Amino acid sequence: MPIEPQPAATPPPAPRAPAPGFDAPEQEAAFFFGLFLRGYSYQELRQDIEVPAAVEKQWLRASARDPHFASVAQQMLAYRRRVLAVFQALVASDSGAVQ
């Protein structure tokens, strides 16, 4: 009687590459900087870029239940933080200090 091969254990998921759209924070920061130069408030633009704390808490709760969502949420938070850092650097270099 031939021995049937046993199914291999499922390998752990590979780390995901950044999702499309998460690869150009400089372009998005430049867009916001253009709005700043046109007179939009620095604080309002900063709020538009940042992920609100309440939303971040919801994402963390959802991440505990869904590993795929956790990966996407972490990428999104990291991306938004990069956009904000570049935006702040552009504003600082233009005005000498963040307003």
PDB file of N, CA and C in Angstrom:
ATOM      1  N   MET A   1       0.836  -1.176   0.000  1.00  0.00           N
ATOM      2  CA  MET A   1       0.000   0.000   0.000  1.00  0.00           C
ATOM      3  C   MET A   1       0.889   1.250   0.000  1.00  0.00           C
ATOM      4  N   PRO A   2       0.719   2.164  -1.006  1.00  0.00           N
ATOM      5  CA  PRO A   2       1.578   3.359  -1.070  1.00  0.00           C
ATOM      6  C   PRO A   2       1.236   4.343   0.048  1.00  0.00           C
ATOM      7  N   ILE A   3       2.242   5.061   0.460  1.00  0.00           N
ATOM      8  CA  ILE A   3       2.072   6.089   1.496  1.00  0.00           C
ATOM      9  C   ILE A   3       1.727   7.399   0.808  1.00  0.00           C
ATOM     10  N   GLU A   4       0.638   8.001   1.253  1.00  0.00           N
ATOM     11  CA  GLU A   4       0.216   9.273   0.672  1.00  0.00           C
ATOM     12  C   GLU A   4       0.939  10.413   1.367  1.00  0.00           C
ATOM     13  N   PRO A   5       1.391  11.386   0.601  1.00  0.00           N
ATOM     14  CA  PRO A   5       2.080  12.525   1.225  1.00  0.00           C
ATOM     15  C   PRO A   5       1.108  13.324   2.089  1.00  0.00           C
ATOM     16  N   GLN A   6       1.619  13.796   3.191  1.00  0.00           N
ATOM     17  CA  GLN A   6       0.836  14.639   4.095  1.00  0.00           C
ATOM     18  C   GLN A   6       0.889  16.081   3.587  1.00  0.00           C
ATOM     19  N   PRO A   7      -0.212  16.817   3.726  1.00  0.00           N
ATOM     20  CA  PRO A   7      -0.176  18.223   3.289  1.00  0.00           C
ATOM     21  C   PRO A   7       0.831  19.001   4.133  1.00  0.00           C
ATOM     22  N   ALA A   8       1.557  19.860   3.468  1.00  0.00           N
ATOM     23  CA  ALA A   8       2.546  20.694   4.162  1.00  0.00           C
ATOM     24  C   ALA A   8       1.835  21.709   5.035  1.00  0.00           C
ATOM     25  N   ALA A   9       2.493  22.062   6.110  1.00  0.00           N
ATOM     26  CA  ALA A   9       1.947  23.103   6.987  1.00  0.00           C
ATOM     27  C   ALA A   9       1.913  24.417   6.222  1.00  0.00           C
ATOM     28  N   THR A  10       0.913  25.197   6.482  1.00  0.00           N
ATOM     29  CA  THR A  10       0.781  26.487   5.808  1.00  0.00           C
ATOM     30  C   THR A  10       1.876  27.413   6.311  1.00  0.00           C
ATOM     31  N   PRO A  11       2.671  27.975   5.399  1.00  0.00           N
ATOM     32  CA  PRO A  11       3.736  28.883   5.839  1.00  0.00           C
ATOM     33  C   PRO A  11       3.138  30.181   6.363  1.00  0.00           C
ATOM     34  N   PRO A  12       3.862  30.847   7.244  1.00  0.00           N
ATOM     35  CA  PRO A  12       3.352  32.135   7.741  1.00  0.00           C
ATOM     36  C   PRO A  12       3.279  33.127   6.592  1.00  0.00           C
ATOM     37  N   PRO A  13       2.351  34.071   6.686  1.00  0.00           N
ATOM     38  CA  PRO A  13       2.225  35.045   5.596  1.00  0.00           C
ATOM     39  C   PRO A  13       3.506  35.861   5.456  1.00  0.00           C
ATOM     40  N   ALA A  14       3.887  36.111   4.221  1.00  0.00           N
ATOM     41  CA  ALA A  14       5.071  36.920   3.950  1.00  0.00           C
ATOM     42  C   ALA A  14       4.753  38.383   4.249  1.00  0.00           C
ATOM     43  N   PRO A  15       5.768  39.144   4.660  1.00  0.00           N
ATOM     44  CA  PRO A  15       5.515  40.577   4.876  1.00  0.00           C
ATOM     45  C   PRO A  15       5.038  41.201   3.579  1.00  0.00           C
ATOM     46  N   ARG A  16       4.073  42.054   3.688  1.00  0.00           N
ATOM     47  CA  ARG A  16       3.484  42.668   2.509  1.00  0.00           C
ATOM     48  C   ARG A  16       4.325  43.854   2.047  1.00  0.00           C
ATOM     49  N   ALA A  17       4.389  43.985   0.755  1.00  0.00           N
ATOM     50  CA  ALA A  17       5.007  45.171   0.166  1.00  0.00           C
ATOM     51  C   ALA A  17       4.049  46.338   0.398  1.00  0.00           C
ATOM     52  N   PRO A  18       4.567  47.549   0.415  1.00  0.00           N
ATOM     53  CA  PRO A  18       3.660  48.683   0.584  1.00  0.00           C
ATOM     54  C   PRO A  18       2.548  48.651  -0.456  1.00  0.00           C
ATOM     55  N   ALA A  19       1.358  48.939  -0.009  1.00  0.00           N
ATOM     56  CA  ALA A  19       0.215  48.985  -0.919  1.00  0.00           C
ATOM     57  C   ALA A  19       0.405  50.132  -1.907  1.00  0.00           C
ATOM     58  N   PRO A  20      -0.182  50.006  -3.093  1.00  0.00           N
ATOM     59  CA  PRO A  20      -0.075  51.101  -4.061  1.00  0.00           C
ATOM     60  C   PRO A  20      -0.565  52.410  -3.443  1.00  0.00           C
ATOM     61  N   GLY A  21       0.163  53.466  -3.693  1.00  0.00           N
ATOM     62  CA  GLY A  21      -0.212  54.763  -3.150  1.00  0.00           C
ATOM     63  C   GLY A  21       0.541  55.128  -1.893  1.00  0.00           C
ATOM     64  N   PHE A  22       1.254  54.172  -1.302  1.00  0.00           N
ATOM     65  CA  PHE A  22       2.018  54.454  -0.083  1.00  0.00           C
ATOM     66  C   PHE A  22       3.486  54.718  -0.396  1.00  0.00           C
ATOM     67  N   ASP A  23       3.804  54.943  -1.649  1.00  0.00           N
ATOM     68  CA  ASP A  23       5.198  55.038  -2.032  1.00  0.00           C
ATOM     69  C   ASP A  23       5.652  56.453  -2.395  1.00  0.00           C
ATOM     70  N   ALA A  24       4.818  57.451  -2.225  1.00  0.00           N
ATOM     71  CA  ALA A  24       5.204  58.816  -2.609  1.00  0.00           C
ATOM     72  C   ALA A  24       4.737  59.853  -1.587  1.00  0.00           C
ATOM     73  N   PRO A  25       5.185  59.747  -0.332  1.00  0.00           N
ATOM     74  CA  PRO A  25       4.741  60.736   0.658  1.00  0.00           C
ATOM     75  C   PRO A  25       5.218  62.147   0.325  1.00  0.00           C
ATOM     76  N   GLU A  26       6.341  62.248  -0.390  1.00  0.00           N
ATOM     77  CA  GLU A  26       6.855  63.575  -0.748  1.00  0.00           C
ATOM     78  C   GLU A  26       5.886  64.312  -1.670  1.00  0.00           C
ATOM     79  N   GLN A  27       5.251  63.570  -2.581  1.00  0.00           N
ATOM     80  CA  GLN A  27       4.297  64.205  -3.494  1.00  0.00           C
ATOM     81  C   GLN A  27       3.073  64.716  -2.745  1.00  0.00           C
ATOM     82  N   GLU A  28       2.582  63.905  -1.821  1.00  0.00           N
ATOM     83  CA  GLU A  28       1.408  64.350  -1.058  1.00  0.00           C
ATOM     84  C   GLU A  28       1.764  65.531  -0.162  1.00  0.00           C
ATOM     85  N   ALA A  29       2.942  65.482   0.455  1.00  0.00           N
ATOM     86  CA  ALA A  29       3.382  66.603   1.293  1.00  0.00           C
ATOM     87  C   ALA A  29       3.516  67.870   0.456  1.00  0.00           C
ATOM     88  N   ALA A  30       4.024  67.738  -0.773  1.00  0.00           N
ATOM     89  CA  ALA A  30       4.153  68.898  -1.658  1.00  0.00           C
ATOM     90  C   ALA A  30       2.788  69.479  -1.998  1.00  0.00           C
ATOM     91  N   PHE A  31       1.796  68.604  -2.186  1.00  0.00           N
ATOM     92  CA  PHE A  31       0.430  69.081  -2.443  1.00  0.00           C
ATOM     93  C   PHE A  31      -0.062  69.934  -1.271  1.00  0.00           C
ATOM     94  N   PHE A  32       0.102  69.417  -0.044  1.00  0.00           N
ATOM     95  CA  PHE A  32      -0.326  70.179   1.128  1.00  0.00           C
ATOM     96  C   PHE A  32       0.476  71.465   1.282  1.00  0.00           C
ATOM     97  N   PHE A  33       1.756  71.410   0.960  1.00  0.00           N
ATOM     98  CA  PHE A  33       2.586  72.611   1.034  1.00  0.00           C
ATOM     99  C   PHE A  33       2.088  73.664   0.044  1.00  0.00           C
ATOM    100  N   GLY A  34       1.671  73.213  -1.138  1.00  0.00           N
ATOM    101  CA  GLY A  34       1.089  74.148  -2.103  1.00  0.00           C
ATOM    102  C   GLY A  34      -0.149  74.835  -1.544  1.00  0.00           C
ATOM    103  N   LEU A  35      -0.973  74.075  -0.836  1.00  0.00           N
ATOM    104  CA  LEU A  35      -2.149  74.684  -0.194  1.00  0.00           C
ATOM    105  C   LEU A  35      -1.722  75.689   0.872  1.00  0.00           C
ATOM    106  N   PHE A  36      -0.689  75.350   1.626  1.00  0.00           N
ATOM    107  CA  PHE A  36      -0.166  76.255   2.651  1.00  0.00           C
ATOM    108  C   PHE A  36       0.294  77.569   2.001  1.00  0.00           C
ATOM    109  N   LEU A  37       0.998  77.461   0.884  1.00  0.00           N
ATOM    110  CA  LEU A  37       1.476  78.666   0.193  1.00  0.00           C
ATOM    111  C   LEU A  37       0.333  79.506  -0.351  1.00  0.00           C
ATOM    112  N   ARG A  38      -0.813  78.877  -0.597  1.00  0.00           N
ATOM    113  CA  ARG A  38      -1.991  79.603  -1.093  1.00  0.00           C
ATOM    114  C   ARG A  38      -2.814  80.205   0.045  1.00  0.00           C
ATOM    115  N   GLY A  39      -2.332  80.044   1.289  1.00  0.00           N
ATOM    116  CA  GLY A  39      -2.992  80.700   2.409  1.00  0.00           C
ATOM    117  C   GLY A  39      -3.798  79.808   3.337  1.00  0.00           C
ATOM    118  N   TYR A  40      -3.805  78.515   3.090  1.00  0.00           N
ATOM    119  CA  TYR A  40      -4.517  77.616   4.011  1.00  0.00           C
ATOM    120  C   TYR A  40      -3.758  77.550   5.333  1.00  0.00           C
ATOM    121  N   SER A  41      -4.491  77.397   6.410  1.00  0.00           N
ATOM    122  CA  SER A  41      -3.923  77.376   7.755  1.00  0.00           C
ATOM    123  C   SER A  41      -3.029  76.155   7.961  1.00  0.00           C
ATOM    124  N   TYR A  42      -1.845  76.405   8.545  1.00  0.00           N
ATOM    125  CA  TYR A  42      -0.922  75.310   8.870  1.00  0.00           C
ATOM    126  C   TYR A  42      -1.602  74.285   9.773  1.00  0.00           C
ATOM    127  N   GLN A  43      -2.300  74.749  10.809  1.00  0.00           N
ATOM    128  CA  GLN A  43      -2.935  73.830  11.761  1.00  0.00           C
ATOM    129  C   GLN A  43      -4.024  72.997  11.089  1.00  0.00           C
ATOM    130  N   GLU A  44      -4.810  73.608  10.222  1.00  0.00           N
ATOM    131  CA  GLU A  44      -5.862  72.852   9.526  1.00  0.00           C
ATOM    132  C   GLU A  44      -5.259  71.805   8.598  1.00  0.00           C
ATOM    133  N   LEU A  45      -4.198  72.174   7.900  1.00  0.00           N
ATOM    134  CA  LEU A  45      -3.547  71.217   7.009  1.00  0.00           C
ATOM    135  C   LEU A  45      -2.921  70.070   7.802  1.00  0.00           C
ATOM    136  N   ARG A  46      -2.320  70.404   8.924  1.00  0.00           N
ATOM    137  CA  ARG A  46      -1.731  69.381   9.792  1.00  0.00           C
ATOM    138  C   ARG A  46      -2.805  68.399  10.252  1.00  0.00           C
ATOM    139  N   GLN A  47      -3.960  68.910  10.626  1.00  0.00           N
ATOM    140  CA  GLN A  47      -5.067  68.041  11.045  1.00  0.00           C
ATOM    141  C   GLN A  47      -5.556  67.174   9.895  1.00  0.00           C
ATOM    142  N   ASP A  48      -5.528  67.704   8.682  1.00  0.00           N
ATOM    143  CA  ASP A  48      -5.941  66.918   7.516  1.00  0.00           C
ATOM    144  C   ASP A  48      -4.963  65.782   7.237  1.00  0.00           C
ATOM    145  N   ILE A  49      -3.698  65.987   7.529  1.00  0.00           N
ATOM    146  CA  ILE A  49      -2.676  64.976   7.269  1.00  0.00           C
ATOM    147  C   ILE A  49      -2.680  63.898   8.348  1.00  0.00           C
ATOM    148  N   GLU A  50      -2.769  64.296   9.597  1.00  0.00           N
ATOM    149  CA  GLU A  50      -2.690  63.353  10.719  1.00  0.00           C
ATOM    150  C   GLU A  50      -3.891  62.419  10.775  1.00  0.00           C
ATOM    151  N   VAL A  51      -3.659  61.234  11.307  1.00  0.00           N
ATOM    152  CA  VAL A  51      -4.756  60.320  11.616  1.00  0.00           C
ATOM    153  C   VAL A  51      -5.212  60.686  13.026  1.00  0.00           C
ATOM    154  N   PRO A  52      -6.483  61.053  13.219  1.00  0.00           N
ATOM    155  CA  PRO A  52      -6.957  61.428  14.552  1.00  0.00           C
ATOM    156  C   PRO A  52      -6.766  60.287  15.562  1.00  0.00           C
ATOM    157  N   ALA A  53      -6.515  60.651  16.807  1.00  0.00           N
ATOM    158  CA  ALA A  53      -6.274  59.660  17.860  1.00  0.00           C
ATOM    159  C   ALA A  53      -7.436  58.680  17.990  1.00  0.00           C
ATOM    160  N   ALA A  54      -8.669  59.162  17.861  1.00  0.00           N
ATOM    161  CA  ALA A  54      -9.833  58.274  17.979  1.00  0.00           C
ATOM    162  C   ALA A  54      -9.841  57.229  16.859  1.00  0.00           C
ATOM    163  N   VAL A  55      -9.469  57.644  15.667  1.00  0.00           N
ATOM    164  CA  VAL A  55      -9.421  56.710  14.535  1.00  0.00           C
ATOM    165  C   VAL A  55      -8.298  55.704  14.754  1.00  0.00           C
ATOM    166  N   GLU A  56      -7.155  56.177  15.235  1.00  0.00           N
ATOM    167  CA  GLU A  56      -6.035  55.275  15.500  1.00  0.00           C
ATOM    168  C   GLU A  56      -6.419  54.211  16.538  1.00  0.00           C
ATOM    169  N   LYS A  57      -7.165  54.603  17.559  1.00  0.00           N
ATOM    170  CA  LYS A  57      -7.628  53.636  18.564  1.00  0.00           C
ATOM    171  C   LYS A  57      -8.543  52.590  17.939  1.00  0.00           C
ATOM    172  N   GLN A  58      -9.453  53.034  17.071  1.00  0.00           N
ATOM    173  CA  GLN A  58     -10.344  52.088  16.390  1.00  0.00           C
ATOM    174  C   GLN A  58      -9.539  51.122  15.533  1.00  0.00           C
ATOM    175  N   TRP A  59      -8.537  51.636  14.837  1.00  0.00           N
ATOM    176  CA  TRP A  59      -7.700  50.785  14.002  1.00  0.00           C
ATOM    177  C   TRP A  59      -6.951  49.754  14.840  1.00  0.00           C
ATOM    178  N   LEU A  60      -6.467  50.168  16.004  1.00  0.00           N
ATOM    179  CA  LEU A  60      -5.744  49.232  16.875  1.00  0.00           C
ATOM    180  C   LEU A  60      -6.668  48.121  17.364  1.00  0.00           C
ATOM    181  N   ARG A  61      -7.898  48.472  17.699  1.00  0.00           N
ATOM    182  CA  ARG A  61      -8.861  47.440  18.124  1.00  0.00           C
ATOM    183  C   ARG A  61      -9.167  46.479  16.982  1.00  0.00           C
ATOM    184  N   ALA A  62      -9.385  47.012  15.802  1.00  0.00           N
ATOM    185  CA  ALA A  62      -9.669  46.173  14.639  1.00  0.00           C
ATOM    186  C   ALA A  62      -8.449  45.324  14.268  1.00  0.00           C
ATOM    187  N   SER A  63      -7.269  45.857  14.480  1.00  0.00           N
ATOM    188  CA  SER A  63      -6.038  45.130  14.167  1.00  0.00           C
ATOM    189  C   SER A  63      -5.875  43.889  15.024  1.00  0.00           C
ATOM    190  N   ALA A  64      -6.380  43.937  16.235  1.00  0.00           N
ATOM    191  CA  ALA A  64      -6.285  42.779  17.122  1.00  0.00           C
ATOM    192  C   ALA A  64      -7.096  41.603  16.580  1.00  0.00           C
ATOM    193  N   ARG A  65      -8.125  41.902  15.807  1.00  0.00           N
ATOM    194  CA  ARG A  65      -8.986  40.849  15.253  1.00  0.00           C
ATOM    195  C   ARG A  65      -8.578  40.412  13.852  1.00  0.00           C
ATOM    196  N   ASP A  66      -7.902  41.263  13.120  1.00  0.00           N
ATOM    197  CA  ASP A  66      -7.622  40.988  11.706  1.00  0.00           C
ATOM    198  C   ASP A  66      -6.167  41.320  11.378  1.00  0.00           C
ATOM    199  N   PRO A  67      -5.304  40.316  11.256  1.00  0.00           N
ATOM    200  CA  PRO A  67      -3.888  40.580  10.969  1.00  0.00           C
ATOM    201  C   PRO A  67      -3.659  41.314   9.645  1.00  0.00           C
ATOM    202  N   HIS A  68      -4.475  41.038   8.637  1.00  0.00           N
ATOM    203  CA  HIS A  68      -4.318  41.758   7.366  1.00  0.00           C
ATOM    204  C   HIS A  68      -4.604  43.241   7.564  1.00  0.00           C
ATOM    205  N   PHE A  69      -5.667  43.549   8.288  1.00  0.00           N
ATOM    206  CA  PHE A  69      -5.987  44.948   8.559  1.00  0.00           C
ATOM    207  C   PHE A  69      -4.866  45.590   9.370  1.00  0.00           C
ATOM    208  N   ALA A  70      -4.288  44.845  10.302  1.00  0.00           N
ATOM    209  CA  ALA A  70      -3.195  45.378  11.122  1.00  0.00           C
ATOM    210  C   ALA A  70      -2.039  45.823  10.233  1.00  0.00           C
ATOM    211  N   SER A  71      -1.722  45.016   9.235  1.00  0.00           N
ATOM    212  CA  SER A  71      -0.635  45.354   8.315  1.00  0.00           C
ATOM    213  C   SER A  71      -0.944  46.634   7.545  1.00  0.00           C
ATOM    214  N   VAL A  72      -2.146  46.729   7.025  1.00  0.00           N
ATOM    215  CA  VAL A  72      -2.542  47.916   6.255  1.00  0.00           C
ATOM    216  C   VAL A  72      -2.596  49.152   7.158  1.00  0.00           C
ATOM    217  N   ALA A  73      -3.127  48.998   8.360  1.00  0.00           N
ATOM    218  CA  ALA A  73      -3.219  50.128   9.290  1.00  0.00           C
ATOM    219  C   ALA A  73      -1.833  50.645   9.654  1.00  0.00           C
ATOM    220  N   GLN A  74      -0.894  49.741   9.900  1.00  0.00           N
ATOM    221  CA  GLN A  74       0.466  50.166  10.236  1.00  0.00           C
ATOM    222  C   GLN A  74       1.116  50.896   9.061  1.00  0.00           C
ATOM    223  N   GLN A  75       0.886  50.404   7.847  1.00  0.00           N
ATOM    224  CA  GLN A  75       1.424  51.080   6.665  1.00  0.00           C
ATOM    225  C   GLN A  75       0.822  52.477   6.522  1.00  0.00           C
ATOM    226  N   MET A  76      -0.480  52.577   6.751  1.00  0.00           N
ATOM    227  CA  MET A  76      -1.156  53.866   6.617  1.00  0.00           C
ATOM    228  C   MET A  76      -0.650  54.864   7.662  1.00  0.00           C
ATOM    229  N   LEU A  77      -0.523  54.407   8.907  1.00  0.00           N
ATOM    230  CA  LEU A  77      -0.030  55.302   9.954  1.00  0.00           C
ATOM    231  C   LEU A  77       1.395  55.757   9.652  1.00  0.00           C
ATOM    232  N   ALA A  78       2.242  54.841   9.237  1.00  0.00           N
ATOM    233  CA  ALA A  78       3.623  55.204   8.908  1.00  0.00           C
ATOM    234  C   ALA A  78       3.660  56.184   7.739  1.00  0.00           C
ATOM    235  N   TYR A  79       2.815  55.946   6.743  1.00  0.00           N
ATOM    236  CA  TYR A  79       2.758  56.833   5.579  1.00  0.00           C
ATOM    237  C   TYR A  79       2.308  58.234   5.988  1.00  0.00           C
ATOM    238  N   ARG A  80       1.239  58.317   6.759  1.00  0.00           N
ATOM    239  CA  ARG A  80       0.727  59.633   7.177  1.00  0.00           C
ATOM    240  C   ARG A  80       1.777  60.378   7.999  1.00  0.00           C
ATOM    241  N   ARG A  81       2.514  59.650   8.841  1.00  0.00           N
ATOM    242  CA  ARG A  81       3.573  60.294   9.644  1.00  0.00           C
ATOM    243  C   ARG A  81       4.694  60.810   8.746  1.00  0.00           C
ATOM    244  N   ARG A  82       5.037  60.059   7.695  1.00  0.00           N
ATOM    245  CA  ARG A  82       6.065  60.522   6.754  1.00  0.00           C
ATOM    246  C   ARG A  82       5.589  61.761   6.010  1.00  0.00           C
ATOM    247  N   VAL A  83       4.330  61.756   5.575  1.00  0.00           N
ATOM    248  CA  VAL A  83       3.781  62.934   4.886  1.00  0.00           C
ATOM    249  C   VAL A  83       3.858  64.143   5.808  1.00  0.00           C
ATOM    250  N   LEU A  84       3.460  63.973   7.049  1.00  0.00           N
ATOM    251  CA  LEU A  84       3.485  65.090   7.999  1.00  0.00           C
ATOM    252  C   LEU A  84       4.905  65.591   8.230  1.00  0.00           C
ATOM    253  N   ALA A  85       5.858  64.687   8.383  1.00  0.00           N
ATOM    254  CA  ALA A  85       7.245  65.097   8.612  1.00  0.00           C
ATOM    255  C   ALA A  85       7.790  65.889   7.418  1.00  0.00           C
ATOM    256  N   VAL A  86       7.511  65.438   6.206  1.00  0.00           N
ATOM    257  CA  VAL A  86       7.979  66.148   5.015  1.00  0.00           C
ATOM    258  C   VAL A  86       7.282  67.503   4.916  1.00  0.00           C
ATOM    259  N   PHE A  87       5.982  67.528   5.169  1.00  0.00           N
ATOM    260  CA  PHE A  87       5.231  68.788   5.137  1.00  0.00           C
ATOM    261  C   PHE A  87       5.816  69.781   6.141  1.00  0.00           C
ATOM    262  N   GLN A  88       6.065  69.334   7.359  1.00  0.00           N
ATOM    263  CA  GLN A  88       6.625  70.224   8.377  1.00  0.00           C
ATOM    264  C   GLN A  88       8.001  70.741   7.969  1.00  0.00           C
ATOM    265  N   ALA A  89       8.806  69.882   7.362  1.00  0.00           N
ATOM    266  CA  ALA A  89      10.129  70.312   6.908  1.00  0.00           C
ATOM    267  C   ALA A  89      10.009  71.365   5.801  1.00  0.00           C
ATOM    268  N   LEU A  90       9.060  71.191   4.898  1.00  0.00           N
ATOM    269  CA  LEU A  90       8.854  72.170   3.835  1.00  0.00           C
ATOM    270  C   LEU A  90       8.406  73.506   4.405  1.00  0.00           C
ATOM    271  N   VAL A  91       7.483  73.474   5.350  1.00  0.00           N
ATOM    272  CA  VAL A  91       7.011  74.717   5.967  1.00  0.00           C
ATOM    273  C   VAL A  91       8.144  75.396   6.726  1.00  0.00           C
ATOM    274  N   ALA A  92       8.928  74.605   7.472  1.00  0.00           N
ATOM    275  CA  ALA A  92      10.034  75.167   8.244  1.00  0.00           C
ATOM    276  C   ALA A  92      11.087  75.786   7.325  1.00  0.00           C
ATOM    277  N   SER A  93      11.367  75.140   6.211  1.00  0.00           N
ATOM    278  CA  SER A  93      12.380  75.682   5.305  1.00  0.00           C
ATOM    279  C   SER A  93      11.876  76.938   4.596  1.00  0.00           C
ATOM    280  N   ASP A  94      10.567  77.037   4.421  1.00  0.00           N
ATOM    281  CA  ASP A  94      10.004  78.222   3.754  1.00  0.00           C
ATOM    282  C   ASP A  94       9.919  79.417   4.680  1.00  0.00           C
ATOM    283  N   SER A  95       9.505  79.186   5.919  1.00  0.00           N
ATOM    284  CA  SER A  95       9.243  80.309   6.815  1.00  0.00           C
ATOM    285  C   SER A  95      10.289  80.462   7.912  1.00  0.00           C
ATOM    286  N   GLY A  96      11.213  79.545   7.996  1.00  0.00           N
ATOM    287  CA  GLY A  96      12.227  79.636   9.035  1.00  0.00           C
ATOM    288  C   GLY A  96      11.829  78.954  10.321  1.00  0.00           C
ATOM    289  N   ALA A  97      10.522  78.816  10.564  1.00  0.00           N
ATOM    290  CA  ALA A  97      10.015  78.132  11.761  1.00  0.00           C
ATOM    291  C   ALA A  97       8.577  77.742  11.522  1.00  0.00           C
ATOM    292  N   VAL A  98       8.162  76.610  12.087  1.00  0.00           N
ATOM    293  CA  VAL A  98       6.782  76.165  11.976  1.00  0.00           C
ATOM    294  C   VAL A  98       5.892  77.145  12.717  1.00  0.00           C
ATOM    295  N   GLN A  99       4.799  77.478  12.091  1.00  0.00           N
ATOM    296  CA  GLN A  99       3.886  78.472  12.699  1.00  0.00           C
ATOM    297  C   GLN A  99       2.982  77.842  13.708  1.00  0.00           C
TER     298      GLN A  99
END
